[in-house]
Protein backbone atom coordinates (compact mmCIF):
# COMPACT_ATOMS: atom_id res chain seq x y z
CA MET A 1 -34.94 37.84 -20.40
CA THR A 2 -33.51 34.70 -22.04
CA ARG A 3 -31.59 31.97 -19.80
CA ASN A 4 -28.77 29.78 -21.24
CA GLN A 5 -30.08 26.04 -20.09
CA LEU A 6 -28.47 22.80 -21.01
CA ASP A 7 -30.74 20.73 -22.94
CA LEU A 8 -30.53 17.26 -20.58
CA PHE A 9 -32.06 15.40 -23.64
CA GLN A 10 -29.27 16.43 -26.19
CA ALA A 11 -26.73 13.88 -27.62
CA ASP A 12 -23.50 14.25 -25.49
CA GLU A 13 -21.10 16.51 -27.30
CA GLN A 14 -18.31 16.17 -24.86
CA PRO A 15 -14.74 14.94 -26.53
CA GLU A 16 -13.91 11.91 -24.60
CA LEU A 17 -11.49 12.52 -21.67
CA PHE A 18 -8.94 9.89 -22.28
CA PRO A 19 -8.26 9.15 -25.89
CA GLU A 20 -9.13 4.81 -26.92
CA ASP A 21 -5.26 4.50 -27.73
CA ALA A 22 -3.73 5.81 -24.68
CA ALA A 23 -1.45 3.39 -22.63
CA PRO A 24 -2.65 2.01 -19.27
CA ILE A 25 -0.88 4.13 -16.35
CA VAL A 26 1.05 1.23 -14.50
CA TYR A 27 2.47 1.96 -11.30
CA ARG A 28 6.01 0.81 -10.05
CA ALA A 29 6.77 0.61 -6.05
CA ASP A 30 10.23 1.89 -5.55
CA PRO A 31 11.79 -1.36 -4.01
CA ASP A 32 14.36 1.12 -2.24
CA ARG A 33 11.33 2.59 -0.22
CA ILE A 34 9.64 -0.42 0.61
CA ARG A 35 13.10 -1.90 1.89
CA LEU A 36 12.99 1.53 4.32
CA ARG A 37 9.65 1.51 5.37
CA LEU A 38 9.81 -2.10 6.11
CA ALA A 39 12.92 -1.62 8.30
CA ARG A 40 11.43 0.92 10.08
CA ILE A 41 8.51 -1.49 11.19
CA LEU A 42 10.82 -3.78 11.97
CA ALA A 43 13.16 -1.90 13.87
CA GLU A 44 10.13 -0.83 16.04
CA ALA A 45 9.30 -4.20 16.60
CA ARG A 46 13.08 -5.21 17.47
CA ALA A 47 13.44 -2.37 19.91
CA SER A 48 10.39 -2.99 21.67
CA GLU A 49 10.21 -5.66 25.10
CA ARG A 50 6.29 -5.56 24.49
CA MET A 51 3.46 -4.95 21.84
CA PRO A 52 4.44 -1.69 20.36
CA TRP A 53 1.19 -1.28 18.31
CA ASP A 54 -2.62 -1.09 19.48
CA SER A 55 -4.98 -3.77 17.60
CA GLU A 56 -5.77 -1.82 14.38
CA ARG A 57 -1.67 -0.68 14.03
CA LEU A 58 -1.22 -4.06 14.13
CA ARG A 59 -4.05 -5.28 12.01
CA LEU A 60 -2.68 -2.84 9.55
CA TYR A 61 0.90 -4.27 9.75
CA ARG A 62 0.16 -7.96 9.33
CA ARG A 63 -1.65 -6.99 6.15
CA LEU A 64 1.12 -4.32 4.88
CA VAL A 65 3.94 -6.12 5.45
CA PRO A 66 3.32 -8.79 3.19
CA GLN A 67 1.87 -6.77 0.67
CA MET A 68 4.93 -4.28 0.41
CA SER A 69 7.15 -7.14 0.14
CA MET A 70 5.72 -8.46 -3.24
CA TRP A 71 7.72 -5.43 -4.55
CA LEU A 72 10.31 -7.02 -3.45
CA PRO A 73 12.93 -10.02 -4.87
CA GLU A 74 11.23 -13.24 -3.70
CA GLU A 75 14.01 -14.57 -1.14
CA GLU A 76 14.38 -11.17 0.12
CA ALA A 77 10.23 -10.90 0.80
CA ALA A 78 10.56 -14.07 2.36
CA GLN A 79 13.11 -13.26 4.55
CA LEU A 80 11.54 -9.88 5.78
CA THR A 81 8.12 -11.36 6.23
CA PHE A 82 9.62 -14.15 8.11
CA GLU A 83 11.48 -11.53 10.35
CA PHE A 84 8.47 -9.71 10.95
CA GLU A 85 6.39 -12.90 12.26
CA GLN A 86 9.27 -13.85 14.55
CA GLU A 87 8.89 -10.63 15.89
CA LEU A 88 5.19 -10.72 16.18
CA GLU A 89 5.80 -14.17 17.77
CA ARG A 90 8.26 -12.66 20.36
CA LEU A 91 6.01 -9.41 21.08
CA LYS A 92 3.17 -11.75 22.18
CA ALA A 93 4.84 -13.80 24.28
CA ALA A 94 6.07 -10.87 26.17
């Protein structure tokens, strides 16, 4: 009985998965989806009288809000980040 085994020392004959001249994949975030997500986070903060998130979620949002806002126009991003920070200060004081 013969077995069909791969020769581990044989040169690789598998073709390349990606052609060398393939264009890189570029991700472009949808600004409308970003605005919607940031608006939801801000609305949740504004509707609360005290901190609505546990420490883990708060750390996530503190990183996420500035990063997500970078996909928006500069002035809009600065305003949304500022409003988020203001809400955090208000909630910490409560």
